[in-house]
Each structure stands twice: as C-alpha cells, then as structure tokens.
Amino acid sequence: MGIYPSTNGGWAYFPTFLVQALLVVSICYGCSPSTGEEAPPVLEIEPEGLDFPDGESSRFVEVRNSGGGSLTFTVKVSAQSDDVNWLNVEPEAATLGSGSGKGLLVTVINRDKLLPGSYLGEITVEAEGQESRKAAVTMVVGQPVLETNPDTTINFGLNSNSETVQISNAGKGKLKFSYSLPGDW
C-alpha cells in the first residue's frame, strides 16, 4: 500500500500495483494491448472512390495511420487517356504519426484536351510493410451543344447588307465548329 494525493485534496491509500499499472497504461498510449509494445502503423484511405461529374474539378482523399508509430506513404496516379494525363494529386508523399491523417488534394487537369465521355483512373497509396490502398476515380467530360441565334434562317430584308449570328456552346466541354456560305453574294 502507498499513500497518494486524492482528487478531493486529501490523501488516499492505493495498492502499489494499481498505481504502477496506471502509470504503464498512461505511458504506453499507442502500444499493443497484449504485449505493451508500440502498435505497428496501419495505412487507411477514405473514400475508396471519387466521382468528378462535368464541371467538378477537385476532391479530397484522407490518408490515415490508424495504428502506432510512424508511417511514410507515397502516391501514384494512373489516369491517362489519349496521351493526356488528366489527374493530379498533392502531396505525392508524406509521413504520418500515430493516429494522424493527411488530406490529399485530388484535381482534374487537362479536361478540355479530352473528347466527351467518361474516363477511369486510379490513385494508389503505398507504404513500406503495408498493403497498398486504392481509390478509383471516374471523370466525365460533357458533350458540347452548338447553339445559334437566330436559330434557323437569316433574313437580310430589303435594306440590310449584314446580319449578326451568335454562336455559343449550350452544353459542356470544348466546342469546335466551322461555317460555310452558300455562294459569293
């Protein structure tokens, strides 16, 4: 038995083994419960899938060390279509302490260099001694829609030598167009 300060300002008697056990538990936060040794790092990511609809260009993926110790990770990106890299992740590497996390900024780039449609990519997070974690990425490039005003015919009337036609993209994505005139008039 030992005498120790109590929470009410007095003194209390506690068995010595109980005080020693409390000290061991408070010193060994992040230790393995069964062995008392520091728990190994554990790599986790969330979410395991990202969707980028047309018009959306950034999202976050959280990388965590839900175990003990230190965890250094690297990021690899596989998102190439028609020789265009369309996905970027920052940072490409970091070190996490026990129970900590880091947000990765995932950004769609070069969308305007791709044809309309859906594209698939993947983010892989790797750390030594850990099973790699992956997040699937889906990105959409919208379909352009040609719109003219006026939308059908141009009427020059009796006194007009010119008229204006406005051409615009009422859809998404990059619009390429050409025009032709029906003669030399």
Protein backbone atom coordinates (compact mmCIF):
# COMPACT_ATOMS: atom_id res chain seq x y z
CA MET A 1 0.00 0.00 0.00
CA GLY A 2 1.04 3.53 -0.66
CA ILE A 3 -0.26 6.99 0.20
CA TYR A 4 -1.11 9.19 -2.79
CA PRO A 5 -2.90 12.54 -3.28
CA SER A 6 -6.64 12.10 -3.84
CA THR A 7 -8.97 14.14 -6.05
CA ASN A 8 -10.62 15.84 -3.03
CA GLY A 9 -7.37 17.37 -1.75
CA GLY A 10 -6.66 14.71 0.89
CA TRP A 11 -4.65 11.54 0.80
CA ALA A 12 -5.75 8.09 -0.26
CA TYR A 13 -4.40 4.60 0.12
CA PHE A 14 -3.97 2.63 -3.10
CA PRO A 15 -2.28 -0.67 -3.60
CA THR A 16 1.15 -0.06 -5.16
CA PHE A 17 0.49 -2.45 -8.06
CA LEU A 18 -2.59 -0.39 -9.11
CA VAL A 19 -0.61 2.86 -9.27
CA GLN A 20 2.14 1.14 -11.27
CA ALA A 21 -0.45 -0.26 -13.71
CA LEU A 22 -1.98 3.18 -14.21
CA LEU A 23 1.44 4.63 -14.94
CA VAL A 24 2.23 1.93 -17.51
CA VAL A 25 -1.11 2.49 -19.28
CA SER A 26 -0.62 6.26 -19.47
CA ILE A 27 2.99 5.99 -20.69
CA CYS A 28 2.23 3.42 -23.38
CA TYR A 29 -0.51 5.15 -25.40
CA GLY A 30 -0.39 3.63 -28.91
CA CYS A 31 1.03 0.38 -27.56
CA SER A 32 -0.28 -3.04 -28.39
CA PRO A 33 -2.70 -4.10 -25.60
CA SER A 34 -1.38 -7.65 -25.49
CA THR A 35 2.38 -7.03 -25.48
CA GLY A 36 2.83 -3.47 -24.20
CA GLU A 37 4.98 -2.72 -27.28
CA GLU A 38 4.19 0.10 -29.65
CA ALA A 39 1.50 -0.90 -32.16
CA PRO A 40 2.57 -1.03 -35.81
CA PRO A 41 1.35 1.62 -38.27
CA VAL A 42 -1.85 0.86 -40.23
CA LEU A 43 -2.48 2.52 -43.62
CA GLU A 44 -6.08 3.53 -44.43
CA ILE A 45 -7.68 5.80 -47.04
CA GLU A 46 -11.16 7.25 -47.39
CA PRO A 47 -13.08 7.37 -49.66
CA GLU A 48 -12.10 4.46 -51.88
CA GLY A 49 -13.79 6.04 -54.89
CA LEU A 50 -14.15 9.57 -56.32
CA ASP A 51 -16.57 10.87 -58.94
CA PHE A 52 -15.89 14.04 -60.91
CA PRO A 53 -19.03 14.98 -62.83
CA ASP A 54 -18.63 17.51 -65.61
CA GLY A 55 -17.75 20.87 -64.08
CA GLU A 56 -16.29 19.49 -60.82
CA SER A 57 -12.51 19.69 -60.59
CA SER A 58 -11.32 18.94 -57.04
CA ARG A 59 -11.94 16.50 -54.20
CA PHE A 60 -10.06 15.21 -51.15
CA VAL A 61 -8.87 11.74 -50.12
CA GLU A 62 -7.90 11.26 -46.47
CA VAL A 63 -4.83 9.07 -45.78
CA ARG A 64 -4.57 7.90 -42.16
CA ASN A 65 -2.24 5.98 -39.87
CA SER A 66 -4.79 4.33 -37.58
CA GLY A 67 -2.04 2.39 -35.80
CA GLY A 68 1.04 3.41 -33.88
CA GLY A 69 4.50 4.50 -34.88
CA SER A 70 5.36 6.48 -37.97
CA LEU A 71 4.08 5.79 -41.49
CA THR A 72 5.63 7.27 -44.65
CA PHE A 73 3.50 6.93 -47.76
CA THR A 74 3.79 7.71 -51.48
CA VAL A 75 1.04 8.29 -54.02
CA LYS A 76 0.86 7.01 -57.61
CA VAL A 77 -1.71 8.20 -60.14
CA SER A 78 -2.95 6.23 -63.15
CA ALA A 79 -5.20 8.50 -65.17
CA GLN A 80 -4.12 8.83 -68.76
CA SER A 81 -6.36 8.77 -71.83
CA ASP A 82 -5.42 9.59 -75.42
CA ASP A 83 -1.90 10.50 -74.16
CA VAL A 84 -3.40 13.14 -71.83
CA ASN A 85 -2.70 13.00 -68.10
CA TRP A 86 -5.93 14.30 -66.56
CA LEU A 87 -5.48 13.80 -62.80
CA ASN A 88 -3.14 15.35 -60.25
CA VAL A 89 -2.66 14.56 -56.52
CA GLU A 90 -0.82 16.67 -53.93
CA PRO A 91 1.20 15.90 -51.91
CA GLU A 92 2.84 12.92 -53.57
CA ALA A 93 4.36 11.76 -50.25
CA ALA A 94 4.10 12.47 -46.52
CA THR A 95 4.82 10.99 -43.10
CA LEU A 96 2.07 10.40 -40.54
CA GLY A 97 2.42 9.91 -36.82
CA SER A 98 0.37 7.53 -34.71
CA GLY A 99 -3.37 8.13 -35.13
CA SER A 100 -2.94 11.04 -37.56
CA GLY A 101 -4.16 11.76 -41.08
CA LYS A 102 -3.42 13.89 -44.12
CA GLY A 103 -5.76 15.15 -46.81
CA LEU A 104 -4.71 14.67 -50.43
CA LEU A 105 -5.96 17.27 -52.88
CA VAL A 106 -7.12 15.41 -55.99
CA THR A 107 -7.55 17.72 -59.01
CA VAL A 108 -8.81 17.10 -62.55
CA ILE A 109 -6.49 18.78 -65.06
CA ASN A 110 -6.46 18.93 -68.87
CA ARG A 111 -10.18 18.08 -69.15
CA ASP A 112 -10.50 20.37 -72.17
CA LYS A 113 -7.98 18.24 -74.10
CA LEU A 114 -10.23 15.15 -73.99
CA LEU A 115 -13.22 14.13 -76.07
CA PRO A 116 -16.64 13.98 -74.39
CA GLY A 117 -17.27 10.83 -72.38
CA SER A 118 -16.41 9.04 -69.11
CA TYR A 119 -12.85 8.33 -68.03
CA LEU A 120 -11.49 5.97 -65.37
CA GLY A 121 -8.37 6.42 -63.27
CA GLU A 122 -6.87 5.19 -60.02
CA ILE A 123 -4.96 6.58 -57.06
CA THR A 124 -2.66 4.12 -55.26
CA VAL A 125 -1.23 4.90 -51.81
CA GLU A 126 1.76 2.77 -50.75
CA ALA A 127 3.79 2.48 -47.54
CA GLU A 128 6.55 0.07 -46.59
CA GLY A 129 5.22 -3.02 -44.81
CA GLN A 130 1.60 -2.16 -45.67
CA GLU A 131 -0.88 -3.43 -48.21
CA SER A 132 -1.39 -0.69 -50.81
CA ARG A 133 -4.73 1.14 -50.77
CA LYS A 134 -6.54 2.27 -53.91
CA ALA A 135 -9.19 4.82 -54.78
CA ALA A 136 -10.99 4.50 -58.12
CA VAL A 137 -11.60 7.79 -59.96
CA THR A 138 -14.35 8.48 -62.51
CA MET A 139 -14.32 11.72 -64.51
CA VAL A 140 -16.84 12.98 -67.08
CA VAL A 141 -16.20 15.35 -69.96
CA GLY A 142 -19.51 16.83 -71.08
CA GLN A 143 -20.91 16.92 -74.59
CA PRO A 144 -20.80 20.31 -76.33
CA VAL A 145 -24.05 21.57 -77.92
CA LEU A 146 -23.93 24.08 -80.80
CA GLU A 147 -26.47 26.86 -80.47
CA THR A 148 -27.04 29.76 -82.87
CA ASN A 149 -29.14 32.89 -82.60
CA PRO A 150 -31.12 33.26 -84.75
CA ASP A 151 -31.55 29.51 -84.78
CA THR A 152 -32.88 28.85 -88.32
CA THR A 153 -32.65 31.46 -91.10
CA ILE A 154 -31.20 34.91 -91.57
CA ASN A 155 -33.37 37.48 -93.29
CA PHE A 156 -31.50 40.42 -94.81
CA GLY A 157 -34.69 42.20 -95.85
CA LEU A 158 -34.63 44.98 -98.46
CA ASN A 159 -32.19 47.44 -96.87
CA SER A 160 -29.71 45.31 -94.89
CA ASN A 161 -26.26 44.30 -96.09
CA SER A 162 -25.24 42.43 -92.91
CA GLU A 163 -26.73 40.44 -90.07
CA THR A 164 -25.18 39.04 -86.89
CA VAL A 165 -25.30 35.38 -85.97
CA GLN A 166 -24.32 34.47 -82.42
CA ILE A 167 -22.71 31.03 -81.98
CA SER A 168 -22.45 29.53 -78.48
CA ASN A 169 -21.95 26.27 -76.62
CA ALA A 170 -25.12 25.39 -74.69
CA GLY A 171 -23.54 22.14 -73.39
CA LYS A 172 -20.31 21.22 -71.66
CA GLY A 173 -16.82 20.58 -72.90
CA LYS A 174 -14.96 22.23 -75.74
CA LEU A 175 -16.94 23.16 -78.87
CA LYS A 176 -15.20 23.15 -82.26
CA PHE A 177 -17.14 24.45 -85.23
CA SER A 178 -16.79 25.74 -88.76
CA TYR A 179 -19.16 27.54 -91.14
CA SER A 180 -19.67 27.97 -94.85
CA LEU A 181 -21.60 30.44 -97.03
CA PRO A 182 -23.75 29.37 -99.98
CA GLY A 183 -22.12 31.48 -102.69
CA ASP A 184 -20.29 34.72 -103.40
CA TRP A 185 -23.10 37.15 -102.65
